[in-house]
Amino acid sequence: MANLYLTEQGSVLRKTGDRLIVHKDDEILLDVQCSKINSVLIFGNVQFTTQAVHELFEHGIEMALLTRTGRLVGQITSPFTKNIELRVEQFKRHNDERFRLSLSKAVVKGKLANCLNFVKTFSNNHPEINLKEEITGIEASIKSIEAVNATASLRGVEGNAARAYFEGIGKMVLGAFEFPGRKKRPSTDPVNALLSFGYTLVFNEISSLLDGLGFDPYLGYYHEVEYGRASLACDIQEEFRPIVDRFTLYLLNNRMLSQEDF
């Protein structure tokens, strides 16, 4: 099934029978059966009717509300699953420090391995760009993970690797765009805007899946519990960040986007 991304500002989502209709003024922009939709993501000034929300709930479809730039504002979901045993076990595991550290190491190691693979692949394809220092920095961070005995220290290892990685990303962005380093809240340039937007989409997908499977998305293991933050989704998201990075560079380096698009 597909995810429905509604970005046309001023449009309206409504329903007719078991179909979702997106229209703006007198023009129908989309007409799709609910059975073909897995989730609906609404960006910015897109309206929706109560009847449409009822139809989504009847089909078990999640709805997420985001700002126009992709920051998640909130979600509209059907009631939690009844898998209380899973949630009880999730909370028990949160109190197990050894488990939390072990899982956190696996999360960070997986993320850095994906980062390293991305940079190495790019380096092989572009031997004229020197990425040896960045590759060495990431490799050193991966090797140091096993010796870490506290989550706070693990975040330090991840931070060191991130600095090397994003320095590499700066060299890997080709053409008219420049990458001044990772900057967020707010993003200061098109590259950071694309990264943040992509991370938000992945985060929302993961959060919805966790919710649907019966987990509590707000109780994480590597990311500390923080009011209003889906910490478990943040944990799972880490390994997928390099996929967003790879796709962002694909769009930019193949000139599929220009400065005028931002």
Protein backbone atom coordinates (compact mmCIF):
# COMPACT_ATOMS: atom_id res chain seq x y z
CA MET A 1 0.00 0.00 0.00
CA ALA A 2 1.05 3.59 -0.59
CA ASN A 3 1.53 6.64 1.60
CA LEU A 4 -0.39 9.74 0.59
CA TYR A 5 1.58 13.00 0.82
CA LEU A 6 -0.61 16.11 0.59
CA THR A 7 1.49 19.21 -0.11
CA GLU A 8 -0.76 21.36 -2.32
CA GLN A 9 -1.48 24.41 -0.17
CA GLY A 10 -5.17 25.34 0.05
CA SER A 11 -6.39 21.92 -1.02
CA VAL A 12 -9.03 19.90 0.87
CA LEU A 13 -9.18 16.19 1.71
CA ARG A 14 -12.69 14.73 1.83
CA LYS A 15 -14.31 11.37 1.24
CA THR A 16 -16.93 9.94 -1.07
CA GLY A 17 -18.00 6.42 -0.22
CA ASP A 18 -14.79 4.52 0.49
CA ARG A 19 -12.68 6.86 -1.64
CA LEU A 20 -10.51 9.80 -0.66
CA ILE A 21 -10.83 12.92 -2.76
CA VAL A 22 -8.35 15.80 -2.79
CA HIS A 23 -9.63 18.95 -4.46
CA LYS A 24 -8.69 22.58 -4.76
CA ASP A 25 -11.21 25.17 -5.91
CA ASP A 26 -13.22 23.24 -8.53
CA GLU A 27 -10.46 20.85 -9.58
CA ILE A 28 -10.06 17.27 -8.32
CA LEU A 29 -6.36 16.62 -7.75
CA LEU A 30 -6.64 13.03 -6.54
CA ASP A 31 -9.24 10.28 -6.30
CA VAL A 32 -8.08 7.06 -4.61
CA GLN A 33 -9.58 4.11 -2.75
CA CYS A 34 -8.88 3.97 0.99
CA SER A 35 -7.88 0.32 0.65
CA LYS A 36 -4.82 1.43 -1.33
CA ILE A 37 -3.58 3.87 1.33
CA ASN A 38 -1.42 3.04 4.33
CA SER A 39 -1.05 6.52 5.83
CA VAL A 40 -1.80 10.16 5.05
CA LEU A 41 0.72 12.95 5.66
CA ILE A 42 -0.57 16.53 5.51
CA PHE A 43 1.89 19.38 5.04
CA GLY A 44 1.01 22.96 5.91
CA ASN A 45 -2.29 24.55 4.92
CA VAL A 46 -4.19 21.48 3.72
CA GLN A 47 -7.70 21.07 5.12
CA PHE A 48 -9.60 17.84 5.80
CA THR A 49 -13.18 16.99 6.74
CA THR A 50 -14.38 15.06 9.78
CA GLN A 51 -15.96 12.52 7.46
CA ALA A 52 -12.58 11.90 5.84
CA VAL A 53 -10.98 11.26 9.24
CA HIS A 54 -13.77 8.82 10.16
CA GLU A 55 -13.12 6.94 6.92
CA LEU A 56 -9.40 6.78 7.69
CA PHE A 57 -10.08 5.36 11.14
CA GLU A 58 -12.41 2.70 9.73
CA HIS A 59 -9.60 1.52 7.49
CA GLY A 60 -6.92 1.78 10.19
CA ILE A 61 -5.10 4.55 8.31
CA GLU A 62 -2.78 6.86 10.26
CA MET A 63 -2.79 10.62 9.66
CA ALA A 64 0.17 12.87 10.42
CA LEU A 65 0.15 16.67 10.49
CA LEU A 66 3.36 18.45 9.55
CA THR A 67 4.44 22.00 8.88
CA ARG A 68 5.05 22.98 5.28
CA THR A 69 8.78 22.43 5.83
CA GLY A 70 8.24 18.92 7.19
CA ARG A 71 8.34 19.29 10.98
CA LEU A 72 5.99 16.81 12.61
CA VAL A 73 3.26 18.59 14.60
CA GLY A 74 1.21 15.59 15.65
CA GLN A 75 -0.65 12.48 14.61
CA ILE A 76 -4.29 11.48 14.45
CA THR A 77 -4.61 7.76 15.06
CA SER A 78 -7.17 5.16 15.91
CA PRO A 79 -7.02 3.74 19.49
CA PHE A 80 -3.90 1.89 20.63
CA THR A 81 -3.60 -1.78 19.88
CA LYS A 82 -4.62 -4.21 22.61
CA ASN A 83 -1.17 -5.83 22.79
CA ILE A 84 -0.60 -4.82 26.39
CA GLU A 85 1.87 -7.68 27.00
CA LEU A 86 4.26 -6.17 24.46
CA ARG A 87 4.12 -2.77 26.14
CA VAL A 88 4.69 -4.27 29.58
CA GLU A 89 7.80 -6.03 28.28
CA GLN A 90 8.96 -2.82 26.61
CA PHE A 91 8.73 -0.92 29.90
CA LYS A 92 10.50 -3.74 31.79
CA ARG A 93 13.37 -3.64 29.31
CA HIS A 94 13.69 0.10 29.80
CA ASN A 95 14.76 -0.55 33.39
CA ASP A 96 17.41 -3.05 32.28
CA GLU A 97 20.58 -0.96 31.93
CA ARG A 98 22.58 -3.74 30.28
CA PHE A 99 19.91 -4.24 27.65
CA ARG A 100 19.64 -0.51 27.00
CA LEU A 101 23.39 -0.16 26.50
CA SER A 102 23.58 -3.25 24.30
CA LEU A 103 20.73 -2.07 22.10
CA SER A 104 22.13 1.45 21.96
CA LYS A 105 25.50 0.11 20.79
CA ALA A 106 23.78 -1.89 18.08
CA VAL A 107 21.85 1.18 16.93
CA VAL A 108 24.93 3.40 16.73
CA LYS A 109 27.11 0.72 15.17
CA GLY A 110 24.49 0.07 12.50
CA LYS A 111 24.12 3.76 11.75
CA LEU A 112 27.87 4.37 11.48
CA ALA A 113 28.34 1.26 9.34
CA ASN A 114 25.77 2.61 6.90
CA CYS A 115 27.43 6.04 6.95
CA LEU A 116 30.81 4.45 6.26
CA ASN A 117 29.44 2.37 3.40
CA PHE A 118 27.91 5.46 1.81
CA VAL A 119 31.12 7.50 2.00
CA LYS A 120 33.28 4.60 0.76
CA THR A 121 30.96 3.97 -2.18
CA PHE A 122 31.06 7.63 -3.14
CA SER A 123 34.85 7.69 -2.78
CA ASN A 124 35.21 4.69 -5.10
CA ASN A 125 33.03 6.39 -7.68
CA HIS A 126 34.80 9.76 -7.32
CA PRO A 127 38.50 9.03 -6.70
CA GLU A 128 39.31 12.68 -7.43
CA ILE A 129 37.67 13.67 -4.12
CA ASN A 130 39.82 12.90 -1.08
CA LEU A 131 37.68 11.34 1.66
CA LYS A 132 40.40 9.31 3.39
CA GLU A 133 40.41 11.40 6.57
CA GLU A 134 36.63 11.21 6.94
CA ILE A 135 36.61 7.44 6.31
CA THR A 136 39.38 6.93 8.88
CA GLY A 137 37.46 9.00 11.43
CA ILE A 138 34.27 6.99 11.04
CA GLU A 139 36.17 3.68 11.16
CA ALA A 140 37.90 4.73 14.38
CA SER A 141 34.55 5.57 15.97
CA ILE A 142 33.09 2.19 15.01
CA LYS A 143 36.06 0.38 16.54
CA SER A 144 35.69 2.30 19.82
CA ILE A 145 32.04 1.33 20.35
CA GLU A 146 32.73 -2.04 21.99
CA ALA A 147 34.78 -0.45 24.79
CA VAL A 148 32.01 1.99 25.71
CA ASN A 149 30.31 1.25 29.06
CA ALA A 150 27.83 4.13 29.31
CA THR A 151 25.23 5.65 27.02
CA ALA A 152 26.62 9.14 27.53
CA SER A 153 30.03 7.99 26.26
CA LEU A 154 28.34 6.33 23.29
CA ARG A 155 26.78 9.65 22.33
CA GLY A 156 30.26 11.13 22.35
CA VAL A 157 31.47 8.45 19.96
CA GLU A 158 28.49 9.07 17.70
CA GLY A 159 29.16 12.81 17.79
CA ASN A 160 32.78 12.38 16.72
CA ALA A 161 31.72 10.16 13.84
CA ALA A 162 29.00 12.62 12.82
CA ARG A 163 31.53 15.44 12.55
CA ALA A 164 33.74 13.39 10.24
CA TYR A 165 30.75 12.14 8.27
CA PHE A 166 29.19 15.52 7.59
CA GLU A 167 32.57 16.97 6.67
CA GLY A 168 32.61 14.24 4.06
CA ILE A 169 29.08 15.09 2.95
CA GLY A 170 30.28 18.66 2.36
CA LYS A 171 32.81 17.34 -0.15
CA MET A 172 30.27 14.98 -1.71
CA VAL A 173 27.75 17.70 -2.61
CA LEU A 174 28.58 18.62 -6.20
CA GLY A 175 27.41 21.41 -8.50
CA ALA A 176 25.77 24.66 -7.45
CA PHE A 177 24.86 23.69 -3.89
CA GLU A 178 27.02 24.09 -0.82
CA PHE A 179 26.79 22.30 2.51
CA PRO A 180 28.00 24.37 5.51
CA GLY A 181 27.67 21.45 7.93
CA ARG A 182 24.63 19.97 9.62
CA LYS A 183 22.33 22.75 10.84
CA LYS A 184 18.74 22.34 11.99
CA ARG A 185 15.90 24.15 13.75
CA PRO A 186 15.81 25.94 11.41
CA SER A 187 17.66 24.61 8.39
CA THR A 188 19.83 27.36 6.93
CA ASP A 189 20.27 26.13 3.37
CA PRO A 190 18.70 23.81 0.77
CA VAL A 191 20.86 20.79 1.61
CA ASN A 192 20.01 20.93 5.31
CA ALA A 193 16.35 21.55 4.44
CA LEU A 194 16.27 18.39 2.33
CA LEU A 195 17.99 16.35 5.02
CA SER A 196 15.60 17.53 7.73
CA PHE A 197 12.59 16.95 5.50
CA GLY A 198 13.71 13.43 4.65
CA TYR A 199 14.48 12.58 8.28
CA THR A 200 10.99 13.77 9.25
CA LEU A 201 9.32 11.53 6.69
CA VAL A 202 11.28 8.48 7.83
CA PHE A 203 10.65 9.32 11.49
CA ASN A 204 6.91 9.54 10.92
CA GLU A 205 6.84 6.24 9.04
CA ILE A 206 8.69 4.48 11.87
CA SER A 207 6.58 6.06 14.60
CA SER A 208 3.37 4.96 12.87
CA LEU A 209 4.67 1.42 12.39
CA LEU A 210 5.71 1.13 16.03
CA ASP A 211 2.32 2.38 17.14
CA GLY A 212 0.56 -0.05 14.84
CA LEU A 213 2.62 -2.99 16.11
CA GLY A 214 1.71 -2.20 19.69
CA PHE A 215 4.89 -0.52 20.94
CA ASP A 216 4.89 2.76 22.81
CA PRO A 217 6.84 5.03 20.39
CA TYR A 218 7.63 7.45 23.23
CA LEU A 219 9.67 5.01 25.33
CA GLY A 220 13.12 4.68 23.79
CA TYR A 221 16.38 3.10 24.91
CA TYR A 222 19.19 5.10 23.33
CA HIS A 223 17.33 8.42 23.23
CA GLU A 224 16.25 9.52 26.67
CA VAL A 225 12.58 9.92 27.47
CA GLU A 226 11.52 13.48 26.73
CA TYR A 227 8.02 14.91 26.87
CA GLY A 228 6.39 14.92 23.45
CA ARG A 229 9.22 13.07 21.67
CA ALA A 230 8.78 9.58 20.21
CA SER A 231 12.13 8.36 21.54
CA LEU A 232 11.80 4.78 20.32
CA ALA A 233 11.14 6.06 16.80
CA CYS A 234 14.28 8.20 17.17
CA ASP A 235 16.23 5.05 18.11
CA ILE A 236 15.06 3.05 15.11
CA GLN A 237 15.44 6.00 12.75
CA GLU A 238 19.21 6.29 13.28
CA GLU A 239 20.18 3.45 10.95
CA PHE A 240 17.99 4.89 8.18
CA ARG A 241 19.46 8.40 8.18
CA PRO A 242 22.21 7.53 5.64
CA ILE A 243 19.47 6.43 3.21
CA VAL A 244 18.05 9.96 3.35
CA ASP A 245 21.55 11.38 2.92
CA ARG A 246 22.18 9.19 -0.12
CA PHE A 247 18.86 10.16 -1.73
CA THR A 248 19.47 13.85 -1.02
CA LEU A 249 22.82 13.76 -2.80
CA TYR A 250 21.26 11.79 -5.65
CA LEU A 251 18.72 14.58 -6.18
CA LEU A 252 21.29 17.36 -5.96
CA ASN A 253 24.22 15.82 -7.81
CA ASN A 254 22.01 14.70 -10.69
CA ARG A 255 20.59 18.25 -10.92
CA MET A 256 17.05 17.09 -10.31
CA LEU A 257 16.64 20.12 -8.04
CA SER A 258 17.91 23.67 -8.49
CA GLN A 259 18.28 26.72 -6.24
CA GLU A 260 14.99 28.03 -7.64
CA ASP A 261 13.14 25.10 -6.04
CA PHE A 262 13.82 26.42 -2.54
